[in-house]
Amino acid sequence: MTQISSRRVRITFSILAAAAALATTTAGAAPSADQSRAASARALSHVQAYAGRTLHGAGQTWAVRNMVIDADGREHVRLDRRYRGLRVIGGDVVVHGSRSGAFLDATLTLRRALTLGTKPGRSAADALRTALATHSGALRQAPELVVHARGDRPVLAWDVVLDSEGEDGTPSALHVIVDAASAQVIESWDDIQTAPAAGTGNSLFLGSVPLTTESSGSSYVLKDTTRGGQNTVDMNNRGFGTGKALSDSDNVWGNGTTSDRATVAVDAQYGVAMTWDYFQNVHGRNGIADNGVGAQSRVHYKRNYANAFWSDSCFCMTFGDGNSSIYPLVSLDVAGHEMSHGVTSRTAGLVYSGESGGLNEATSDIFGTMVEFYAANAKDTPDYLMGEKLFKNGTGFIRSMIQPSSDGASADCWYSGLSSLDVHYSSGVANHFFYLLAEGTTAGQPSRTCSASNTRVANGTGTLAGIGHGKAEKIWYRALTVYMTSSTNYAAARSATLSAAADLYGAGSAEVNAVAAAWSAVNVN
C-alpha cells in the first residue's frame, strides 16, 4: 500500500518582537501585549530559577517561541534553548505557570544537563563529505554547528542541509545531522512535507461546494480574504516559478472533471478553507501559524506527479495531478493532513525521525480526519481512512486508523523496535490509539486491543468504550500545543495526553481514564 510521505518541517519563522503575536488562549481570544510580555518574562525567570527541572545551566540563552494562556489564566510558554550560542536540537521547553504567575512544571525531552565543549573535532567540510556520501543533493548553506540533544547524551554536531529532488519530482531540503567528533550521521529529516505518495480528486471529489473569492476588475480570482488571504494558483505543470492566479468571469469554477483546469483548484481552495475553519472553530486557532495569515495552494504541479506537499519556506500547499491510477491529490483529508504539518511545526515541532516522527505523521492523520468530520460533506462520508477518495479503482486507501496493520506495513501497537520503522508506519500506534479513544472497539472487531504475545499487530480481544471524536481531538490538540516538545516519544505522548485530558475534563475524570485505557490498549504503558 502506498504511503503518505509527509516530511517534518523545521521552525523557520522569526520570533516576533511583540510578544502578543506569539500568544493564544484556549478560548481563542488574544491576550494583551502586557499579558504576553509578563508571561514571557515569568517563563524566562522560571526556566533559570527551576534549573533542576528545566536543565538550565551556564552558557544557555532562551527565546520565546509561542505561548498558550488558558481561559483561567494558566500560562504555557514554549522556549527554544541555545548553548554557548549554538542551537540545541531537542532542547525546547514548555514552562507551565499558574494564573498568579507561580511555577507549576516544565515539559521537556532533554535528558541530561549540557556540559559539552563547543570546539568540533571534525570540520564542516568533513561533515559535508559524510552527508554527500550518504545522501544526494546540493549544499543549501554552510553547515551549522549545533548541539544534538535528541538522544541519551547531547553531542556537538553539524546540521548539513542538502537540496535535491525525489524520484517522483518532490523537492527535498534534507537535514543531515553529522556528529562533530566522529563525522558519522546521527539522523536526518526533510523540511518538505509531502502527502500520500499514493494519492490522487464544480469539485472533483465533493460536488458543488461554496467558495469565497475576490473580484478583480471584470472577473474573480481564487483568493479568500476572510481566511487570511489564502489563494490558489496554477503551476501550469511546472516544478518552478510562482504560478498563475486562476480567474473566472462568472465566479462559477470548474466542471467536476479534470477537463477543466479549475476543477482541482476548487477542491484545493475548499479543502484549505475547511482546514482553516476547523482549527479556528474547534480549537480557537487563527490560521495555521495562529497569526491570521492564510496559506497559498499550488495546483497542477509538474506532470504525472502523484504527490502533494506542505512547505514552510513558501507557506504553501502543492498538489500534483496524479497519474494513471491516482486522481489529483486534492482530497479533503489530504489537504487537512498536510496543513496540519504546519500547525505541528509551529507548536511542538516534532522532529520527523524516530517515535517523534511517527507522532508528527499521526498528528496530521488525526487532524486531517477531523477536518473531514468537521466538513461533513455528503459526498465524502467522514471515516478513519486516509486518502480513500484518491484511487481510481475505488477500493484503495493509504492508511487506516481502525486497524493500521491492514496496509501490510503499519504497526497497530507499540513494541521495542518501533522507532526503526518509517514514520508513516510507526504513526499507526498513535492513529490506533486515537481511534480507540474516540470510537472504542466494536466487539473487538475489526479494531482490536493488543496482547503481550504480539506487540506489532493487534490480536487481543479486549473492548473499550470511546469518548467521541469531539473530546478526543481537543485532548490531542492541547497535548500537542501545551505539553509535547520536539523529541516527544510515545511514552511522553501518553503523559502529555493524560495531562491535557485532566486540564480539560478534570483529574480522575472518565476522559482521563479513557486516555489511559486507550494507550494501554496499544501497549503504551
Protein backbone atom coordinates (compact mmCIF):
# COMPACT_ATOMS: atom_id res chain seq x y z
CA MET A 1 0.00 0.00 0.00
CA THR A 2 1.39 3.37 -0.93
CA GLN A 3 2.32 5.55 1.99
CA ILE A 4 1.75 9.20 2.69
CA SER A 5 5.23 10.64 2.62
CA SER A 6 4.89 13.67 4.89
CA ARG A 7 8.15 15.12 5.98
CA ARG A 8 8.68 17.23 9.01
CA VAL A 9 9.26 20.97 8.62
CA ARG A 10 11.73 22.79 10.85
CA ILE A 11 10.66 26.01 12.56
CA THR A 12 11.91 28.85 10.37
CA PHE A 13 9.72 31.81 11.31
CA SER A 14 11.19 34.67 13.30
CA ILE A 15 10.47 35.37 16.94
CA LEU A 16 8.28 38.46 16.83
CA ALA A 17 9.20 41.50 18.83
CA ALA A 18 5.64 41.94 20.03
CA ALA A 19 5.03 39.10 22.48
CA ALA A 20 1.29 39.40 21.90
CA ALA A 21 1.73 37.99 18.42
CA LEU A 22 3.11 34.79 19.94
CA ALA A 23 0.25 34.06 22.29
CA THR A 24 -3.10 32.37 22.06
CA THR A 25 -5.70 31.40 24.61
CA THR A 26 -7.77 28.26 24.86
CA ALA A 27 -10.84 30.45 24.47
CA GLY A 28 -9.46 31.85 21.21
CA ALA A 29 -9.10 35.48 22.44
CA ALA A 30 -5.69 37.07 22.09
CA PRO A 31 -4.18 38.29 25.35
CA SER A 32 -2.98 41.86 25.60
CA ALA A 33 0.58 42.80 24.81
CA ASP A 34 1.18 43.48 28.51
CA GLN A 35 -0.12 39.99 29.44
CA SER A 36 2.11 38.36 26.87
CA ARG A 37 5.20 40.29 27.88
CA ALA A 38 4.57 39.47 31.52
CA ALA A 39 4.06 35.76 30.79
CA SER A 40 7.26 35.71 28.72
CA ALA A 41 9.22 37.41 31.48
CA ARG A 42 7.92 34.98 34.11
CA ALA A 43 8.77 31.97 31.96
CA LEU A 44 12.29 33.22 31.31
CA SER A 45 12.71 33.74 35.04
CA HIS A 46 11.27 30.32 35.93
CA VAL A 47 13.46 28.46 33.46
CA GLN A 48 16.51 29.67 35.35
CA ALA A 49 15.09 29.61 38.87
CA TYR A 50 14.00 26.00 38.46
CA ALA A 51 17.13 24.81 36.68
CA GLY A 52 16.84 21.37 38.24
CA ARG A 53 13.61 20.85 36.34
CA THR A 54 14.47 22.64 33.08
CA LEU A 55 18.17 21.60 32.98
CA HIS A 56 19.18 25.22 32.54
CA GLY A 57 22.89 25.78 33.01
CA ALA A 58 25.86 28.01 32.31
CA GLY A 59 26.14 29.36 28.79
CA GLN A 60 22.45 28.89 27.98
CA THR A 61 20.15 31.51 26.49
CA TRP A 62 16.43 31.33 25.75
CA ALA A 63 13.93 32.72 23.26
CA VAL A 64 10.13 32.57 23.48
CA ARG A 65 8.68 30.73 20.50
CA ASN A 66 4.98 30.90 21.37
CA MET A 67 2.58 30.55 24.28
CA VAL A 68 -0.88 29.43 25.29
CA ILE A 69 -2.76 31.28 28.03
CA ASP A 70 -5.75 29.35 29.34
CA ALA A 71 -9.10 30.95 29.99
CA ASP A 72 -8.45 30.53 33.74
CA GLY A 73 -5.14 32.39 33.44
CA ARG A 74 -2.68 29.49 33.48
CA GLU A 75 0.32 30.08 31.22
CA HIS A 76 2.20 27.67 28.97
CA VAL A 77 5.23 29.31 27.35
CA ARG A 78 7.35 27.45 24.80
CA LEU A 79 11.05 28.35 24.81
CA ASP A 80 13.89 27.47 22.46
CA ARG A 81 17.31 26.87 24.01
CA ARG A 82 20.78 27.86 22.84
CA TYR A 83 24.02 26.67 24.40
CA ARG A 84 27.02 28.97 24.06
CA GLY A 85 25.34 30.46 21.02
CA LEU A 86 24.53 27.12 19.37
CA ARG A 87 21.00 25.97 18.56
CA VAL A 88 20.02 22.95 20.67
CA ILE A 89 18.03 20.40 18.67
CA GLY A 90 15.73 18.75 21.22
CA GLY A 91 16.37 21.38 23.88
CA ASP A 92 13.00 23.14 23.78
CA VAL A 93 10.97 23.52 26.97
CA VAL A 94 7.36 24.41 27.80
CA VAL A 95 7.13 26.27 31.11
CA HIS A 96 3.77 25.96 32.88
CA GLY A 97 2.69 28.70 35.28
CA SER A 98 -0.35 29.35 37.46
CA ARG A 99 -2.71 32.27 36.97
CA SER A 100 -0.80 34.08 39.70
CA GLY A 101 2.47 33.54 37.84
CA ALA A 102 3.86 30.81 40.09
CA PHE A 103 5.88 27.99 38.53
CA LEU A 104 3.90 24.76 38.15
CA ASP A 105 6.04 22.47 36.00
CA ALA A 106 8.06 22.19 32.81
CA THR A 107 7.78 19.82 29.86
CA LEU A 108 10.97 18.82 28.07
CA THR A 109 12.66 15.83 26.45
CA LEU A 110 16.27 16.82 27.14
CA ARG A 111 17.68 14.06 29.35
CA ARG A 112 20.98 15.46 30.59
CA ALA A 113 22.45 18.82 31.52
CA LEU A 114 24.56 20.44 28.81
CA THR A 115 28.22 20.43 29.77
CA LEU A 116 29.94 19.69 26.46
CA GLY A 117 32.58 21.75 24.73
CA THR A 118 31.85 23.66 21.54
CA LYS A 119 35.02 23.00 19.55
CA PRO A 120 34.28 20.43 16.83
CA GLY A 121 36.70 17.58 16.31
CA ARG A 122 35.75 17.32 12.65
CA SER A 123 35.32 20.24 10.30
CA ALA A 124 32.29 21.43 8.37
CA ALA A 125 33.97 20.11 5.23
CA ASP A 126 34.24 16.66 6.84
CA ALA A 127 30.56 16.78 7.72
CA LEU A 128 29.62 17.77 4.19
CA ARG A 129 31.65 14.87 2.75
CA THR A 130 29.85 12.47 5.09
CA ALA A 131 26.47 13.90 4.19
CA LEU A 132 27.13 13.68 0.46
CA ALA A 133 28.43 10.13 0.84
CA THR A 134 25.10 9.02 2.28
CA HIS A 135 22.61 11.40 0.60
CA SER A 136 22.49 13.14 -2.76
CA GLY A 137 21.89 16.85 -3.16
CA ALA A 138 23.45 20.28 -3.37
CA LEU A 139 24.53 22.19 -0.28
CA ARG A 140 21.96 24.86 0.53
CA GLN A 141 24.04 26.84 3.04
CA ALA A 142 27.16 26.46 5.12
CA PRO A 143 26.85 23.59 7.64
CA GLU A 144 25.66 24.87 11.01
CA LEU A 145 27.32 23.78 14.24
CA VAL A 146 24.58 22.71 16.68
CA VAL A 147 24.01 20.66 19.82
CA HIS A 148 22.07 17.48 19.06
CA ALA A 149 20.14 16.57 22.20
CA ARG A 150 17.55 14.09 20.95
CA GLY A 151 19.46 11.06 22.18
CA ASP A 152 20.55 9.94 25.61
CA ARG A 153 23.68 12.11 25.54
CA PRO A 154 23.90 15.59 23.96
CA VAL A 155 26.65 15.85 21.37
CA LEU A 156 28.15 18.53 19.19
CA ALA A 157 27.04 18.08 15.58
CA TRP A 158 26.86 19.67 12.16
CA ASP A 159 23.49 20.35 10.52
CA VAL A 160 24.05 19.93 6.77
CA VAL A 161 21.12 20.90 4.53
CA LEU A 162 21.03 19.32 1.07
CA ASP A 163 18.63 20.41 -1.68
CA SER A 164 17.54 17.75 -4.17
CA GLU A 165 14.51 16.20 -5.83
CA GLY A 166 12.90 12.82 -5.20
CA GLU A 167 12.24 10.20 -7.85
CA ASP A 168 8.66 11.40 -8.18
CA GLY A 169 9.74 15.03 -8.55
CA THR A 170 9.10 16.19 -4.99
CA PRO A 171 11.63 18.82 -3.90
CA SER A 172 13.72 17.94 -0.87
CA ALA A 173 15.56 20.00 1.73
CA LEU A 174 17.22 17.26 3.77
CA HIS A 175 18.86 17.96 7.13
CA VAL A 176 21.69 15.51 7.69
CA ILE A 177 22.93 15.68 11.29
CA VAL A 178 26.60 14.66 11.45
CA ASP A 179 28.48 14.02 14.70
CA ALA A 180 31.15 16.70 15.04
CA ALA A 181 33.54 14.25 16.73
CA SER A 182 33.23 11.11 14.59
CA ALA A 183 31.76 12.56 11.37
CA GLN A 184 29.10 9.83 11.48
CA VAL A 185 25.49 10.52 10.55
CA ILE A 186 23.28 10.72 13.64
CA GLU A 187 19.91 11.17 11.92
CA SER A 188 18.22 13.04 9.10
CA TRP A 189 14.87 14.59 8.23
CA ASP A 190 13.35 16.67 5.47
CA ASP A 191 11.97 20.22 5.51
CA ILE A 192 9.45 19.34 2.81
CA GLN A 193 6.26 17.64 3.97
CA THR A 194 4.61 15.53 1.35
CA ALA A 195 1.20 13.97 1.09
CA PRO A 196 0.12 10.49 0.01
CA ALA A 197 2.58 9.15 -2.48
CA ALA A 198 -0.42 7.16 -3.49
CA GLY A 199 -2.94 9.54 -3.70
CA THR A 200 -4.77 11.26 -6.33
CA GLY A 201 -9.65 14.43 -6.67
CA ASN A 202 -17.51 22.15 -9.90
CA SER A 203 -15.13 19.96 -7.42
CA LEU A 204 -13.62 16.68 -8.42
CA PHE A 205 -14.46 14.89 -5.16
CA LEU A 206 -17.12 16.86 -3.32
CA GLY A 207 -19.66 18.03 -5.86
CA SER A 208 -20.84 21.60 -5.60
CA VAL A 209 -19.11 23.46 -2.76
CA PRO A 210 -19.18 27.10 -1.64
CA LEU A 211 -16.09 29.25 -2.29
CA THR A 212 -15.11 32.68 -1.06
CA THR A 213 -13.44 34.58 -3.90
CA GLU A 214 -12.32 38.13 -4.67
CA SER A 215 -13.39 40.34 -7.55
CA SER A 216 -10.62 41.63 -9.77
CA GLY A 217 -11.77 44.04 -12.46
CA SER A 218 -14.37 42.28 -14.57
CA SER A 219 -13.52 38.80 -13.23
CA TYR A 220 -12.87 36.90 -10.00
CA VAL A 221 -9.79 35.25 -8.51
CA LEU A 222 -9.45 32.37 -6.03
CA LYS A 223 -8.43 34.49 -3.09
CA ASP A 224 -10.19 34.29 0.27
CA THR A 225 -9.72 37.49 2.27
CA THR A 226 -11.99 36.15 5.03
CA ARG A 227 -9.37 33.48 5.78
CA GLY A 228 -6.15 35.44 5.79
CA GLY A 229 -5.93 35.93 2.03
CA GLN A 230 -5.29 32.28 1.23
CA ASN A 231 -5.30 31.74 -2.51
CA THR A 232 -4.82 29.15 -5.25
CA VAL A 233 -2.55 29.39 -8.30
CA ASP A 234 -1.99 27.17 -11.37
CA MET A 235 1.62 25.96 -11.73
CA ASN A 236 0.93 25.02 -15.37
CA ASN A 237 2.54 21.61 -14.82
CA ARG A 238 5.90 23.15 -13.98
CA GLY A 239 8.02 22.50 -10.92
CA PHE A 240 9.29 26.05 -10.65
CA GLY A 241 8.04 29.61 -10.67
CA THR A 242 5.27 31.35 -8.77
CA GLY A 243 2.31 30.04 -10.75
CA LYS A 244 -0.58 31.95 -12.30
CA ALA A 245 -3.63 33.23 -10.45
CA LEU A 246 -6.80 31.50 -11.61
CA SER A 247 -9.57 33.80 -12.79
CA ASP A 248 -13.18 33.32 -13.83
CA SER A 249 -15.68 35.73 -15.35
CA ASP A 250 -18.89 34.41 -13.76
CA ASN A 251 -17.50 33.18 -10.41
CA VAL A 252 -18.58 29.61 -11.22
CA TRP A 253 -15.45 27.42 -11.12
CA GLY A 254 -14.72 24.02 -12.64
CA ASN A 255 -16.98 21.42 -14.21
CA GLY A 256 -16.43 18.48 -11.85
CA THR A 257 -13.92 16.77 -14.14
CA THR A 258 -10.24 17.19 -14.91
CA SER A 259 -11.09 18.55 -18.40
CA ASP A 260 -11.40 21.95 -16.70
CA ARG A 261 -8.16 23.06 -15.00
CA ALA A 262 -10.17 24.96 -12.41
CA THR A 263 -11.80 21.80 -11.04
CA VAL A 264 -8.91 20.65 -8.87
CA ALA A 265 -8.35 24.26 -7.80
CA VAL A 266 -11.88 24.16 -6.37
CA ASP A 267 -11.02 21.10 -4.25
CA ALA A 268 -7.79 22.69 -3.08
CA GLN A 269 -9.34 26.04 -2.17
CA TYR A 270 -12.26 24.38 -0.41
CA GLY A 271 -10.03 21.92 1.49
CA VAL A 272 -7.80 24.71 2.76
CA ALA A 273 -10.88 26.73 3.79
CA MET A 274 -12.32 23.79 5.72
CA THR A 275 -8.98 23.24 7.46
CA TRP A 276 -8.83 26.93 8.43
CA ASP A 277 -12.41 26.79 9.75
CA TYR A 278 -11.78 23.56 11.62
CA PHE A 279 -8.80 24.87 13.57
CA GLN A 280 -10.49 28.22 14.22
CA ASN A 281 -13.92 26.97 15.27
CA VAL A 282 -12.88 23.80 17.09
CA HIS A 283 -9.57 24.87 18.64
CA GLY A 284 -9.65 28.67 18.54
CA ARG A 285 -6.59 28.80 16.28
CA ASN A 286 -6.35 31.78 13.91
CA GLY A 287 -4.84 30.10 10.84
CA ILE A 288 -2.08 27.54 10.51
CA ALA A 289 0.55 29.76 12.14
CA ASP A 290 -2.06 31.26 14.53
CA ASN A 291 -1.27 34.72 13.16
CA GLY A 292 -4.23 35.24 10.82
CA VAL A 293 -2.16 34.72 7.65
CA GLY A 294 -3.55 32.36 5.01
CA ALA A 295 -1.53 29.83 3.03
CA GLN A 296 -1.24 29.51 -0.73
CA SER A 297 -2.32 26.42 -2.67
CA ARG A 298 -0.49 25.46 -5.86
CA VAL A 299 -2.24 23.04 -8.24
CA HIS A 300 -1.15 21.29 -11.47
CA TYR A 301 2.41 20.86 -10.17
CA LYS A 302 4.63 19.06 -12.70
CA ARG A 303 3.35 16.22 -14.90
CA ASN A 304 2.26 12.78 -13.67
CA TYR A 305 3.15 13.94 -10.16
CA ALA A 306 1.25 11.63 -7.80
CA ASN A 307 2.01 13.50 -4.61
CA ALA A 308 1.44 16.70 -2.66
CA PHE A 309 3.43 18.51 -0.01
CA TRP A 310 3.43 21.31 2.52
CA SER A 311 6.46 23.61 2.72
CA ASP A 312 7.12 26.19 5.40
CA SER A 313 9.55 28.04 3.14
CA CYS A 314 6.71 29.20 0.88
CA PHE A 315 3.97 28.66 3.48
CA CYS A 316 2.12 26.77 0.81
CA MET A 317 0.38 23.56 -0.17
CA THR A 318 1.36 21.98 -3.50
CA PHE A 319 -0.82 19.40 -5.29
CA GLY A 320 0.12 17.11 -8.18
CA ASP A 321 -2.28 15.87 -10.85
CA GLY A 322 -1.72 12.18 -10.10
CA ASN A 323 -1.22 9.51 -12.73
CA SER A 324 -3.00 6.63 -14.47
CA SER A 325 -4.16 5.07 -11.19
CA ILE A 326 -4.32 8.07 -8.86
CA TYR A 327 -6.59 11.10 -9.03
CA PRO A 328 -5.21 14.60 -8.41
CA LEU A 329 -4.18 14.80 -4.76
CA VAL A 330 -6.73 17.38 -3.68
CA SER A 331 -8.98 15.26 -1.45
CA LEU A 332 -10.21 16.88 1.74
CA ASP A 333 -8.29 14.67 4.16
CA VAL A 334 -5.05 15.21 2.24
CA ALA A 335 -5.42 18.99 2.47
CA GLY A 336 -6.17 18.73 6.19
CA HIS A 337 -3.28 16.30 6.72
CA GLU A 338 -0.68 18.46 5.01
CA MET A 339 -1.71 21.78 6.50
CA SER A 340 -1.68 20.17 9.94
CA HIS A 341 2.07 19.68 9.49
CA GLY A 342 2.26 23.47 9.51
CA VAL A 343 0.44 23.52 12.85
CA THR A 344 2.86 20.94 14.28
CA SER A 345 5.90 22.86 13.07
CA ARG A 346 4.70 25.97 14.85
CA THR A 347 3.80 24.25 18.12
CA ALA A 348 5.57 21.11 19.36
CA GLY A 349 7.88 20.99 16.32
CA LEU A 350 8.01 17.17 16.45
CA VAL A 351 11.21 16.10 14.70
CA TYR A 352 10.44 13.91 11.70
CA SER A 353 12.52 10.95 12.85
CA GLY A 354 12.04 8.04 15.26
CA GLU A 355 8.99 7.99 17.52
CA SER A 356 8.60 11.78 17.41
CA GLY A 357 8.35 11.48 13.62
CA GLY A 358 5.62 8.86 13.95
CA LEU A 359 3.72 11.20 16.27
CA ASN A 360 4.21 14.05 13.78
CA GLU A 361 2.72 11.97 10.99
CA ALA A 362 -0.12 10.68 13.18
CA THR A 363 -0.98 14.23 14.21
CA SER A 364 -1.60 15.09 10.57
CA ASP A 365 -3.65 11.92 10.06
CA ILE A 366 -5.71 12.74 13.15
CA PHE A 367 -6.44 16.34 12.20
CA GLY A 368 -6.88 15.52 8.50
CA THR A 369 -9.52 13.02 9.56
CA MET A 370 -11.13 15.50 11.92
CA VAL A 371 -11.32 18.10 9.12
CA GLU A 372 -13.29 15.52 7.15
CA PHE A 373 -15.66 15.07 10.12
CA TYR A 374 -15.93 18.85 10.53
CA ALA A 375 -16.83 19.44 6.87
CA ALA A 376 -19.45 16.63 6.96
CA ASN A 377 -19.72 16.66 3.17
CA ALA A 378 -22.31 14.18 1.89
CA LYS A 379 -20.02 13.15 -0.98
CA ASP A 380 -17.14 12.32 1.35
CA THR A 381 -18.59 10.46 4.30
CA PRO A 382 -16.32 11.02 7.32
CA ASP A 383 -14.28 7.94 8.19
CA TYR A 384 -10.99 6.88 9.73
CA LEU A 385 -9.27 6.08 6.42
CA MET A 386 -6.71 8.36 4.82
CA GLY A 387 -6.82 9.07 1.09
CA GLU A 388 -9.64 6.65 0.27
CA LYS A 389 -11.00 9.02 -2.43
CA LEU A 390 -7.77 9.07 -4.41
CA PHE A 391 -7.79 5.63 -6.00
CA LYS A 392 -9.36 5.34 -9.44
CA ASN A 393 -10.25 1.70 -8.83
CA GLY A 394 -12.41 2.84 -5.91
CA THR A 395 -11.06 0.30 -3.42
CA GLY A 396 -7.81 1.68 -2.06
CA PHE A 397 -6.78 3.69 0.96
CA ILE A 398 -3.45 4.91 2.25
CA ARG A 399 -3.75 4.33 5.97
CA SER A 400 -6.36 3.00 8.35
CA MET A 401 -6.73 4.27 11.89
CA ILE A 402 -9.14 1.43 12.64
CA GLN A 403 -6.58 -1.28 12.01
CA PRO A 404 -3.29 0.25 10.82
CA SER A 405 -1.67 -3.13 10.07
CA SER A 406 -4.23 -3.73 7.32
CA ASP A 407 -1.91 -1.85 4.94
CA GLY A 408 0.71 -4.57 5.46
CA ALA A 409 3.33 -2.25 6.95
CA SER A 410 1.95 -0.05 9.74
CA ALA A 411 2.07 -1.03 13.40
CA ASP A 412 -1.11 -1.30 15.46
CA CYS A 413 0.77 -1.40 18.75
CA TRP A 414 3.96 -0.18 20.37
CA TYR A 415 6.94 -2.55 20.55
CA SER A 416 10.64 -2.07 21.24
CA GLY A 417 11.67 -1.86 17.59
CA LEU A 418 9.02 0.66 16.59
CA SER A 419 11.40 3.59 16.15
CA SER A 420 13.20 1.75 13.34
CA LEU A 421 10.08 1.88 11.17
CA ASP A 422 9.44 4.59 8.62
CA VAL A 423 7.45 7.33 10.37
CA HIS A 424 4.43 6.66 8.15
CA TYR A 425 4.23 3.17 9.64
CA SER A 426 5.19 3.92 13.25
CA SER A 427 2.40 6.52 13.19
CA GLY A 428 -0.06 3.61 13.27
CA VAL A 429 0.22 3.30 17.05
CA ALA A 430 -0.99 6.87 17.68
CA ASN A 431 -3.60 6.55 14.94
CA HIS A 432 -4.92 3.36 16.53
CA PHE A 433 -4.87 5.00 19.98
CA PHE A 434 -6.91 7.92 18.69
CA TYR A 435 -9.47 5.66 17.05
CA LEU A 436 -9.87 3.60 20.21
CA LEU A 437 -10.13 6.74 22.34
CA ALA A 438 -12.77 8.28 20.07
CA GLU A 439 -14.78 5.27 18.96
CA GLY A 440 -13.76 2.37 21.19
CA THR A 441 -13.81 -1.18 19.88
CA THR A 442 -16.72 -2.81 18.13
CA ALA A 443 -16.96 -6.14 19.96
CA GLY A 444 -13.23 -6.41 19.33
CA GLN A 445 -13.67 -6.24 15.54
CA PRO A 446 -12.09 -5.01 13.40
CA SER A 447 -10.16 -2.73 15.73
CA ARG A 448 -8.59 -4.80 18.47
CA THR A 449 -6.56 -4.12 21.53
CA CYS A 450 -3.04 -5.50 21.74
CA SER A 451 -1.75 -8.51 23.60
CA ALA A 452 1.64 -9.18 25.11
CA SER A 453 2.27 -12.09 22.76
CA ASN A 454 2.23 -9.93 19.64
CA THR A 455 3.02 -6.27 20.05
CA ARG A 456 3.16 -5.21 16.43
CA VAL A 457 -0.22 -6.44 15.18
CA ALA A 458 -3.29 -6.15 17.36
CA ASN A 459 -4.82 -9.54 18.10
CA GLY A 460 -6.25 -9.02 21.57
CA THR A 461 -9.93 -9.29 22.33
CA GLY A 462 -10.34 -6.52 24.87
CA THR A 463 -13.10 -3.96 24.47
CA LEU A 464 -13.12 -0.23 25.11
CA ALA A 465 -15.83 2.44 25.11
CA GLY A 466 -14.93 5.59 23.18
CA ILE A 467 -15.43 9.17 24.39
CA GLY A 468 -16.29 10.55 20.92
CA HIS A 469 -14.02 12.25 18.42
CA GLY A 470 -15.06 15.72 19.68
CA LYS A 471 -13.38 15.19 23.04
CA ALA A 472 -10.53 13.14 21.60
CA GLU A 473 -9.50 15.85 19.13
CA LYS A 474 -9.45 18.52 21.84
CA ILE A 475 -7.25 16.34 24.04
CA TRP A 476 -4.78 15.73 21.20
CA TYR A 477 -4.63 19.42 20.23
CA ARG A 478 -3.96 20.55 23.79
CA ALA A 479 -1.33 17.86 24.24
CA LEU A 480 0.38 18.99 21.02
CA THR A 481 0.30 22.70 21.78
CA VAL A 482 0.92 22.67 25.54
CA TYR A 483 2.80 19.51 26.55
CA MET A 484 4.64 17.91 23.62
CA THR A 485 8.14 19.01 22.63
CA SER A 486 10.28 18.35 19.60
CA SER A 487 11.52 14.95 20.79
CA THR A 488 8.37 13.61 22.47
CA ASN A 489 8.17 9.82 22.17
CA TYR A 490 5.19 7.52 22.73
CA ALA A 491 5.68 7.27 26.48
CA ALA A 492 5.81 11.06 26.74
CA ALA A 493 2.79 11.36 24.43
CA ARG A 494 0.85 9.26 26.92
CA SER A 495 1.80 11.68 29.70
CA ALA A 496 1.01 14.69 27.51
CA THR A 497 -2.48 13.47 26.64
CA LEU A 498 -3.23 12.48 30.24
CA SER A 499 -2.27 15.99 31.36
CA ALA A 500 -4.35 17.51 28.55
CA ALA A 501 -7.39 15.39 29.46
CA ALA A 502 -7.05 16.36 33.13
CA ASP A 503 -6.86 20.05 32.18
CA LEU A 504 -9.96 19.83 30.01
CA TYR A 505 -12.16 17.40 31.93
CA GLY A 506 -10.72 17.16 35.43
CA ALA A 507 -8.29 14.85 37.22
CA GLY A 508 -9.78 11.39 37.68
CA SER A 509 -12.44 12.06 35.06
CA ALA A 510 -13.86 9.41 32.75
CA GLU A 511 -11.94 11.09 29.91
CA VAL A 512 -8.61 10.76 31.74
CA ASN A 513 -9.34 7.10 32.43
CA ALA A 514 -10.28 6.57 28.77
CA VAL A 515 -6.98 8.09 27.61
CA ALA A 516 -5.03 5.77 29.91
CA ALA A 517 -7.02 2.74 28.77
CA ALA A 518 -6.60 3.53 25.07
CA TRP A 519 -2.82 3.90 25.42
CA SER A 520 -2.63 0.65 27.37
CA ALA A 521 -4.64 -0.98 24.60
CA VAL A 522 -1.85 -0.18 22.15
CA ASN A 523 0.91 -1.25 24.57
CA VAL A 524 2.00 2.24 25.66
CA ASN A 525 2.07 1.91 29.44
